[in-house]
Amino acid sequence: MGRPWEANPQAGFQRRLGRSALELGNTNSSPSCPDIWELDNGDFAVIGRDLTVSYTGRLPDDVSVTADERIVIIPRNMLVAAPEIPHA
């Protein structure tokens, strides 16, 4: 039985959420990662540092990372600067 949700590799980038890494001072000279994008199918793409190996040994009991998943870290200021994401 398949998983209830699968990422669509054909989805395109629709719009950036919040401000770019360059605007926020999270990159030195080019608008490179990190970034948050809404895809044209409504899903989201997060571009950041892959720290899966660093976090795997200390995940909470109810958290798992499968072989095709990664733990991606982005700066707090980037998520907070995205007004399109509700803040809890």
PDB file of N, CA and C in Angstrom:
ATOM      1  N   MET A   1       0.850  -1.193   0.000  1.00  0.00           N
ATOM      2  CA  MET A   1       0.000   0.000   0.000  1.00  0.00           C
ATOM      3  C   MET A   1       0.884   1.241   0.000  1.00  0.00           C
ATOM      4  N   GLY A   2       0.577   2.200  -0.845  1.00  0.00           N
ATOM      5  CA  GLY A   2       1.351   3.429  -0.951  1.00  0.00           C
ATOM      6  C   GLY A   2       1.078   4.380   0.205  1.00  0.00           C
ATOM      7  N   ARG A   3       1.928   5.366   0.317  1.00  0.00           N
ATOM      8  CA  ARG A   3       1.739   6.385   1.352  1.00  0.00           C
ATOM      9  C   ARG A   3       0.612   7.331   0.932  1.00  0.00           C
ATOM     10  N   PRO A   4      -0.093   7.919   1.908  1.00  0.00           N
ATOM     11  CA  PRO A   4      -1.204   8.820   1.574  1.00  0.00           C
ATOM     12  C   PRO A   4      -0.759  10.063   0.799  1.00  0.00           C
ATOM     13  N   TRP A   5       0.475  10.503   0.992  1.00  0.00           N
ATOM     14  CA  TRP A   5       0.977  11.677   0.276  1.00  0.00           C
ATOM     15  C   TRP A   5       2.325  11.351  -0.340  1.00  0.00           C
ATOM     16  N   GLU A   6       2.529  11.777  -1.550  1.00  0.00           N
ATOM     17  CA  GLU A   6       3.821  11.652  -2.226  1.00  0.00           C
ATOM     18  C   GLU A   6       4.174  12.996  -2.839  1.00  0.00           C
ATOM     19  N   ALA A   7       5.435  13.341  -2.786  1.00  0.00           N
ATOM     20  CA  ALA A   7       5.904  14.567  -3.438  1.00  0.00           C
ATOM     21  C   ALA A   7       5.824  14.392  -4.948  1.00  0.00           C
ATOM     22  N   ASN A   8       5.376  15.432  -5.630  1.00  0.00           N
ATOM     23  CA  ASN A   8       5.265  15.396  -7.087  1.00  0.00           C
ATOM     24  C   ASN A   8       6.513  16.014  -7.694  1.00  0.00           C
ATOM     25  N   PRO A   9       7.384  15.210  -8.300  1.00  0.00           N
ATOM     26  CA  PRO A   9       8.616  15.745  -8.870  1.00  0.00           C
ATOM     27  C   PRO A   9       8.397  16.634 -10.097  1.00  0.00           C
ATOM     28  N   GLN A  10       7.167  16.677 -10.603  1.00  0.00           N
ATOM     29  CA  GLN A  10       6.859  17.516 -11.765  1.00  0.00           C
ATOM     30  C   GLN A  10       6.353  18.903 -11.381  1.00  0.00           C
ATOM     31  N   ALA A  11       6.071  19.126 -10.084  1.00  0.00           N
ATOM     32  CA  ALA A  11       5.551  20.427  -9.644  1.00  0.00           C
ATOM     33  C   ALA A  11       6.596  21.512  -9.875  1.00  0.00           C
ATOM     34  N   GLY A  12       6.131  22.686 -10.257  1.00  0.00           N
ATOM     35  CA  GLY A  12       7.029  23.808 -10.527  1.00  0.00           C
ATOM     36  C   GLY A  12       7.034  24.816  -9.387  1.00  0.00           C
ATOM     37  N   PHE A  13       8.082  25.624  -9.341  1.00  0.00           N
ATOM     38  CA  PHE A  13       8.177  26.695  -8.348  1.00  0.00           C
ATOM     39  C   PHE A  13       7.230  27.816  -8.740  1.00  0.00           C
ATOM     40  N   GLN A  14       6.342  28.198  -7.817  1.00  0.00           N
ATOM     41  CA  GLN A  14       5.347  29.232  -8.108  1.00  0.00           C
ATOM     42  C   GLN A  14       5.726  30.583  -7.516  1.00  0.00           C
ATOM     43  N   ARG A  15       6.030  30.605  -6.199  1.00  0.00           N
ATOM     44  CA  ARG A  15       6.378  31.891  -5.580  1.00  0.00           C
ATOM     45  C   ARG A  15       7.207  31.666  -4.323  1.00  0.00           C
ATOM     46  N   ARG A  16       8.111  32.597  -4.091  1.00  0.00           N
ATOM     47  CA  ARG A  16       8.903  32.582  -2.859  1.00  0.00           C
ATOM     48  C   ARG A  16       8.022  33.038  -1.713  1.00  0.00           C
ATOM     49  N   LEU A  17       8.183  32.419  -0.563  1.00  0.00           N
ATOM     50  CA  LEU A  17       7.495  32.865   0.647  1.00  0.00           C
ATOM     51  C   LEU A  17       8.475  33.700   1.451  1.00  0.00           C
ATOM     52  N   GLY A  18       8.023  34.847   1.874  1.00  0.00           N
ATOM     53  CA  GLY A  18       8.889  35.726   2.659  1.00  0.00           C
ATOM     54  C   GLY A  18       9.936  36.408   1.802  1.00  0.00           C
ATOM     55  N   ARG A  19      11.069  36.676   2.418  1.00  0.00           N
ATOM     56  CA  ARG A  19      12.141  37.405   1.733  1.00  0.00           C
ATOM     57  C   ARG A  19      13.282  36.464   1.380  1.00  0.00           C
ATOM     58  N   SER A  20      14.092  36.865   0.432  1.00  0.00           N
ATOM     59  CA  SER A  20      15.196  36.022  -0.018  1.00  0.00           C
ATOM     60  C   SER A  20      16.307  35.968   1.027  1.00  0.00           C
ATOM     61  N   ALA A  21      17.168  34.976   0.898  1.00  0.00           N
ATOM     62  CA  ALA A  21      18.324  34.837   1.792  1.00  0.00           C
ATOM     63  C   ALA A  21      19.216  36.061   1.715  1.00  0.00           C
ATOM     64  N   LEU A  22      19.337  36.648   0.542  1.00  0.00           N
ATOM     65  CA  LEU A  22      20.157  37.849   0.357  1.00  0.00           C
ATOM     66  C   LEU A  22      19.568  39.028   1.138  1.00  0.00           C
ATOM     67  N   GLU A  23      18.259  39.230   1.044  1.00  0.00           N
ATOM     68  CA  GLU A  23      17.594  40.318   1.778  1.00  0.00           C
ATOM     69  C   GLU A  23      17.723  40.160   3.289  1.00  0.00           C
ATOM     70  N   LEU A  24      17.711  38.929   3.770  1.00  0.00           N
ATOM     71  CA  LEU A  24      17.758  38.665   5.208  1.00  0.00           C
ATOM     72  C   LEU A  24      19.179  38.568   5.766  1.00  0.00           C
ATOM     73  N   GLY A  25      20.177  38.657   4.899  1.00  0.00           N
ATOM     74  CA  GLY A  25      21.563  38.557   5.356  1.00  0.00           C
ATOM     75  C   GLY A  25      22.005  37.136   5.650  1.00  0.00           C
ATOM     76  N   ASN A  26      21.311  36.139   5.081  1.00  0.00           N
ATOM     77  CA  ASN A  26      21.662  34.738   5.296  1.00  0.00           C
ATOM     78  C   ASN A  26      22.590  34.180   4.231  1.00  0.00           C
ATOM     79  N   THR A  27      23.031  35.032   3.315  1.00  0.00           N
ATOM     80  CA  THR A  27      24.010  34.644   2.313  1.00  0.00           C
ATOM     81  C   THR A  27      24.898  35.852   2.060  1.00  0.00           C
ATOM     82  N   ASN A  28      26.098  35.621   1.583  1.00  0.00           N
ATOM     83  CA  ASN A  28      27.066  36.709   1.422  1.00  0.00           C
ATOM     84  C   ASN A  28      26.920  37.513   0.144  1.00  0.00           C
ATOM     85  N   SER A  29      26.895  36.845  -1.004  1.00  0.00           N
ATOM     86  CA  SER A  29      26.966  37.621  -2.235  1.00  0.00           C
ATOM     87  C   SER A  29      26.000  37.187  -3.325  1.00  0.00           C
ATOM     88  N   SER A  30      25.330  36.080  -3.156  1.00  0.00           N
ATOM     89  CA  SER A  30      24.395  35.640  -4.189  1.00  0.00           C
ATOM     90  C   SER A  30      23.108  35.168  -3.532  1.00  0.00           C
ATOM     91  N   PRO A  31      22.019  35.229  -4.266  1.00  0.00           N
ATOM     92  CA  PRO A  31      20.743  34.787  -3.688  1.00  0.00           C
ATOM     93  C   PRO A  31      20.651  33.257  -3.659  1.00  0.00           C
ATOM     94  N   SER A  32      21.560  32.620  -2.941  1.00  0.00           N
ATOM     95  CA  SER A  32      21.565  31.160  -2.852  1.00  0.00           C
ATOM     96  C   SER A  32      20.728  30.714  -1.668  1.00  0.00           C
ATOM     97  N   CYS A  33      20.808  29.449  -1.348  1.00  0.00           N
ATOM     98  CA  CYS A  33      19.979  28.925  -0.268  1.00  0.00           C
ATOM     99  C   CYS A  33      20.305  29.634   1.027  1.00  0.00           C
ATOM    100  N   PRO A  34      19.488  29.583   2.010  1.00  0.00           N
ATOM    101  CA  PRO A  34      18.232  28.854   2.114  1.00  0.00           C
ATOM    102  C   PRO A  34      17.070  29.596   1.464  1.00  0.00           C
ATOM    103  N   ASP A  35      15.948  28.890   1.310  1.00  0.00           N
ATOM    104  CA  ASP A  35      14.784  29.503   0.688  1.00  0.00           C
ATOM    105  C   ASP A  35      13.538  28.681   0.992  1.00  0.00           C
ATOM    106  N   ILE A  36      12.376  29.310   0.857  1.00  0.00           N
ATOM    107  CA  ILE A  36      11.083  28.640   1.021  1.00  0.00           C
ATOM    108  C   ILE A  36      10.232  29.003  -0.194  1.00  0.00           C
ATOM    109  N   TRP A  37       9.691  27.991  -0.867  1.00  0.00           N
ATOM    110  CA  TRP A  37       8.886  28.226  -2.062  1.00  0.00           C
ATOM    111  C   TRP A  37       7.576  27.461  -2.015  1.00  0.00           C
ATOM    112  N   GLU A  38       6.518  28.099  -2.484  1.00  0.00           N
ATOM    113  CA  GLU A  38       5.268  27.397  -2.725  1.00  0.00           C
ATOM    114  C   GLU A  38       5.343  26.834  -4.136  1.00  0.00           C
ATOM    115  N   LEU A  39       4.935  25.587  -4.293  1.00  0.00           N
ATOM    116  CA  LEU A  39       4.937  24.962  -5.613  1.00  0.00           C
ATOM    117  C   LEU A  39       3.579  25.145  -6.276  1.00  0.00           C
ATOM    118  N   ASP A  40       3.537  24.939  -7.578  1.00  0.00           N
ATOM    119  CA  ASP A  40       2.289  25.174  -8.304  1.00  0.00           C
ATOM    120  C   ASP A  40       1.193  24.155  -7.979  1.00  0.00           C
ATOM    121  N   ASN A  41       1.515  23.113  -7.218  1.00  0.00           N
ATOM    122  CA  ASN A  41       0.485  22.161  -6.793  1.00  0.00           C
ATOM    123  C   ASN A  41       0.052  22.398  -5.345  1.00  0.00           C
ATOM    124  N   GLY A  42       0.565  23.479  -4.718  1.00  0.00           N
ATOM    125  CA  GLY A  42       0.196  23.816  -3.352  1.00  0.00           C
ATOM    126  C   GLY A  42       1.147  23.294  -2.290  1.00  0.00           C
ATOM    127  N   ASP A  43       2.048  22.400  -2.640  1.00  0.00           N
ATOM    128  CA  ASP A  43       3.054  21.919  -1.696  1.00  0.00           C
ATOM    129  C   ASP A  43       4.138  22.974  -1.528  1.00  0.00           C
ATOM    130  N   PHE A  44       5.070  22.732  -0.605  1.00  0.00           N
ATOM    131  CA  PHE A  44       6.138  23.686  -0.328  1.00  0.00           C
ATOM    132  C   PHE A  44       7.500  23.023  -0.466  1.00  0.00           C
ATOM    133  N   ALA A  45       8.455  23.768  -0.950  1.00  0.00           N
ATOM    134  CA  ALA A  45       9.839  23.317  -1.053  1.00  0.00           C
ATOM    135  C   ALA A  45      10.676  24.168  -0.106  1.00  0.00           C
ATOM    136  N   VAL A  46      11.469  23.496   0.732  1.00  0.00           N
ATOM    137  CA  VAL A  46      12.359  24.178   1.657  1.00  0.00           C
ATOM    138  C   VAL A  46      13.784  23.851   1.243  1.00  0.00           C
ATOM    139  N   ILE A  47      14.565  24.880   0.987  1.00  0.00           N
ATOM    140  CA  ILE A  47      15.965  24.715   0.610  1.00  0.00           C
ATOM    141  C   ILE A  47      16.798  25.148   1.800  1.00  0.00           C
ATOM    142  N   GLY A  48      17.612  24.253   2.298  1.00  0.00           N
ATOM    143  CA  GLY A  48      18.420  24.561   3.472  1.00  0.00           C
ATOM    144  C   GLY A  48      19.567  23.584   3.616  1.00  0.00           C
ATOM    145  N   ARG A  49      20.136  23.528   4.797  1.00  0.00           N
ATOM    146  CA  ARG A  49      21.255  22.632   5.067  1.00  0.00           C
ATOM    147  C   ARG A  49      20.720  21.254   5.451  1.00  0.00           C
ATOM    148  N   ASP A  50      21.247  20.220   4.828  1.00  0.00           N
ATOM    149  CA  ASP A  50      20.869  18.844   5.143  1.00  0.00           C
ATOM    150  C   ASP A  50      21.629  18.408   6.392  1.00  0.00           C
ATOM    151  N   LEU A  51      20.910  18.318   7.518  1.00  0.00           N
ATOM    152  CA  LEU A  51      21.513  17.892   8.788  1.00  0.00           C
ATOM    153  C   LEU A  51      20.905  16.576   9.269  1.00  0.00           C
ATOM    154  N   THR A  52      20.434  15.776   8.328  1.00  0.00           N
ATOM    155  CA  THR A  52      19.810  14.505   8.670  1.00  0.00           C
ATOM    156  C   THR A  52      20.719  13.643   9.540  1.00  0.00           C
ATOM    157  N   VAL A  53      21.961  13.489   9.148  1.00  0.00           N
ATOM    158  CA  VAL A  53      22.887  12.641   9.898  1.00  0.00           C
ATOM    159  C   VAL A  53      23.080  13.176  11.317  1.00  0.00           C
ATOM    160  N   SER A  54      23.191  14.470  11.464  1.00  0.00           N
ATOM    161  CA  SER A  54      23.404  15.079  12.779  1.00  0.00           C
ATOM    162  C   SER A  54      22.232  14.878  13.726  1.00  0.00           C
ATOM    163  N   TYR A  55      21.016  14.842  13.194  1.00  0.00           N
ATOM    164  CA  TYR A  55      19.820  14.751  14.027  1.00  0.00           C
ATOM    165  C   TYR A  55      19.273  13.331  14.180  1.00  0.00           C
ATOM    166  N   THR A  56      19.637  12.411  13.315  1.00  0.00           N
ATOM    167  CA  THR A  56      19.021  11.086  13.306  1.00  0.00           C
ATOM    168  C   THR A  56      19.091  10.372  14.653  1.00  0.00           C
ATOM    169  N   GLY A  57      20.182  10.452  15.366  1.00  0.00           N
ATOM    170  CA  GLY A  57      20.328   9.750  16.628  1.00  0.00           C
ATOM    171  C   GLY A  57      19.578  10.366  17.792  1.00  0.00           C
ATOM    172  N   ARG A  58      18.976  11.521  17.593  1.00  0.00           N
ATOM    173  CA  ARG A  58      18.290  12.190  18.702  1.00  0.00           C
ATOM    174  C   ARG A  58      16.894  12.702  18.335  1.00  0.00           C
ATOM    175  N   LEU A  59      16.214  11.968  17.490  1.00  0.00           N
ATOM    176  CA  LEU A  59      14.846  12.317  17.111  1.00  0.00           C
ATOM    177  C   LEU A  59      13.880  12.007  18.244  1.00  0.00           C
ATOM    178  N   PRO A  60      12.825  12.789  18.408  1.00  0.00           N
ATOM    179  CA  PRO A  60      11.786  12.443  19.378  1.00  0.00           C
ATOM    180  C   PRO A  60      11.203  11.061  19.045  1.00  0.00           C
ATOM    181  N   ASP A  61      10.615  10.407  20.027  1.00  0.00           N
ATOM    182  CA  ASP A  61      10.106   9.050  19.855  1.00  0.00           C
ATOM    183  C   ASP A  61       9.111   8.901  18.716  1.00  0.00           C
ATOM    184  N   ASP A  62       8.301   9.925  18.478  1.00  0.00           N
ATOM    185  CA  ASP A  62       7.270   9.812  17.446  1.00  0.00           C
ATOM    186  C   ASP A  62       7.691  10.400  16.102  1.00  0.00           C
ATOM    187  N   VAL A  63       9.001  10.573  15.894  1.00  0.00           N
ATOM    188  CA  VAL A  63       9.515  11.134  14.639  1.00  0.00           C
ATOM    189  C   VAL A  63      10.411  10.104  13.963  1.00  0.00           C
ATOM    190  N   SER A  64      10.233   9.971  12.653  1.00  0.00           N
ATOM    191  CA  SER A  64      11.116   9.095  11.880  1.00  0.00           C
ATOM    192  C   SER A  64      11.455   9.771  10.555  1.00  0.00           C
ATOM    193  N   VAL A  65      12.574   9.388   9.999  1.00  0.00           N
ATOM    194  CA  VAL A  65      13.023   9.907   8.709  1.00  0.00           C
ATOM    195  C   VAL A  65      13.315   8.700   7.830  1.00  0.00           C
ATOM    196  N   THR A  66      12.533   8.553   6.754  1.00  0.00           N
ATOM    197  CA  THR A  66      12.732   7.405   5.876  1.00  0.00           C
ATOM    198  C   THR A  66      13.895   7.662   4.922  1.00  0.00           C
ATOM    199  N   ALA A  67      14.264   6.637   4.179  1.00  0.00           N
ATOM    200  CA  ALA A  67      15.429   6.709   3.290  1.00  0.00           C
ATOM    201  C   ALA A  67      15.303   7.819   2.245  1.00  0.00           C
ATOM    202  N   ASP A  68      14.066   8.183   1.865  1.00  0.00           N
ATOM    203  CA  ASP A  68      13.902   9.224   0.846  1.00  0.00           C
ATOM    204  C   ASP A  68      13.542  10.580   1.447  1.00  0.00           C
ATOM    205  N   GLU A  69      13.782  10.762   2.739  1.00  0.00           N
ATOM    206  CA  GLU A  69      13.512  12.033   3.410  1.00  0.00           C
ATOM    207  C   GLU A  69      14.799  12.596   4.018  1.00  0.00           C
ATOM    208  N   ARG A  70      14.812  13.911   4.246  1.00  0.00           N
ATOM    209  CA  ARG A  70      15.945  14.588   4.858  1.00  0.00           C
ATOM    210  C   ARG A  70      15.438  15.608   5.866  1.00  0.00           C
ATOM    211  N   ILE A  71      16.225  15.850   6.892  1.00  0.00           N
ATOM    212  CA  ILE A  71      15.952  16.933   7.836  1.00  0.00           C
ATOM    213  C   ILE A  71      16.689  18.149   7.308  1.00  0.00           C
ATOM    214  N   VAL A  72      15.928  19.168   6.937  1.00  0.00           N
ATOM    215  CA  VAL A  72      16.499  20.378   6.350  1.00  0.00           C
ATOM    216  C   VAL A  72      16.321  21.525   7.332  1.00  0.00           C
ATOM    217  N   ILE A  73      17.387  22.238   7.600  1.00  0.00           N
ATOM    218  CA  ILE A  73      17.376  23.341   8.550  1.00  0.00           C
ATOM    219  C   ILE A  73      17.471  24.669   7.794  1.00  0.00           C
ATOM    220  N   ILE A  74      16.607  25.614   8.208  1.00  0.00           N
ATOM    221  CA  ILE A  74      16.664  26.972   7.669  1.00  0.00           C
ATOM    222  C   ILE A  74      16.749  27.938   8.846  1.00  0.00           C
ATOM    223  N   PRO A  75      17.227  29.153   8.621  1.00  0.00           N
ATOM    224  CA  PRO A  75      17.311  30.129   9.706  1.00  0.00           C
ATOM    225  C   PRO A  75      15.923  30.556  10.193  1.00  0.00           C
ATOM    226  N   ARG A  76      15.826  30.795  11.480  1.00  0.00           N
ATOM    227  CA  ARG A  76      14.562  31.244  12.076  1.00  0.00           C
ATOM    228  C   ARG A  76      14.062  32.516  11.414  1.00  0.00           C
ATOM    229  N   ASN A  77      14.965  33.474  11.150  1.00  0.00           N
ATOM    230  CA  ASN A  77      14.515  34.750  10.586  1.00  0.00           C
ATOM    231  C   ASN A  77      13.844  34.574   9.222  1.00  0.00           C
ATOM    232  N   MET A  78      14.197  33.517   8.498  1.00  0.00           N
ATOM    233  CA  MET A  78      13.591  33.279   7.196  1.00  0.00           C
ATOM    234  C   MET A  78      12.143  32.824   7.342  1.00  0.00           C
ATOM    235  N   LEU A  79      11.872  31.933   8.268  1.00  0.00           N
ATOM    236  CA  LEU A  79      10.499  31.467   8.466  1.00  0.00           C
ATOM    237  C   LEU A  79       9.630  32.568   9.065  1.00  0.00           C
ATOM    238  N   VAL A  80      10.156  33.304  10.026  1.00  0.00           N
ATOM    239  CA  VAL A  80       9.406  34.378  10.665  1.00  0.00           C
ATOM    240  C   VAL A  80       9.102  35.505   9.668  1.00  0.00           C
ATOM    241  N   ALA A  81       9.970  35.698   8.685  1.00  0.00           N
ATOM    242  CA  ALA A  81       9.776  36.771   7.703  1.00  0.00           C
ATOM    243  C   ALA A  81       8.795  36.404   6.607  1.00  0.00           C
ATOM    244  N   ALA A  82       8.218  35.219   6.671  1.00  0.00           N
ATOM    245  CA  ALA A  82       7.260  34.778   5.644  1.00  0.00           C
ATOM    246  C   ALA A  82       5.831  34.993   6.162  1.00  0.00           C
ATOM    247  N   PRO A  83       5.225  36.143   5.874  1.00  0.00           N
ATOM    248  CA  PRO A  83       3.880  36.412   6.373  1.00  0.00           C
ATOM    249  C   PRO A  83       2.828  35.462   5.811  1.00  0.00           C
ATOM    250  N   GLU A  84       3.172  34.757   4.742  1.00  0.00           N
ATOM    251  CA  GLU A  84       2.231  33.822   4.143  1.00  0.00           C
ATOM    252  C   GLU A  84       2.040  32.570   5.024  1.00  0.00           C
ATOM    253  N   ILE A  85       2.959  32.359   5.975  1.00  0.00           N
ATOM    254  CA  ILE A  85       2.877  31.207   6.870  1.00  0.00           C
ATOM    255  C   ILE A  85       2.286  31.681   8.186  1.00  0.00           C
ATOM    256  N   PRO A  86       1.173  31.081   8.634  1.00  0.00           N
ATOM    257  CA  PRO A  86       0.588  31.501   9.917  1.00  0.00           C
ATOM    258  C   PRO A  86       1.572  31.251  11.059  1.00  0.00           C
ATOM    259  N   HIS A  87       1.679  32.197  11.967  1.00  0.00           N
ATOM    260  CA  HIS A  87       2.573  32.081  13.108  1.00  0.00           C
ATOM    261  C   HIS A  87       1.791  31.605  14.311  1.00  0.00           C
ATOM    262  N   ALA A  88       2.274  30.547  14.927  1.00  0.00           N
ATOM    263  CA  ALA A  88       1.587  30.006  16.107  1.00  0.00           C
ATOM    264  C   ALA A  88       2.243  30.543  17.371  1.00  0.00           C
TER     265      ALA A  88
END
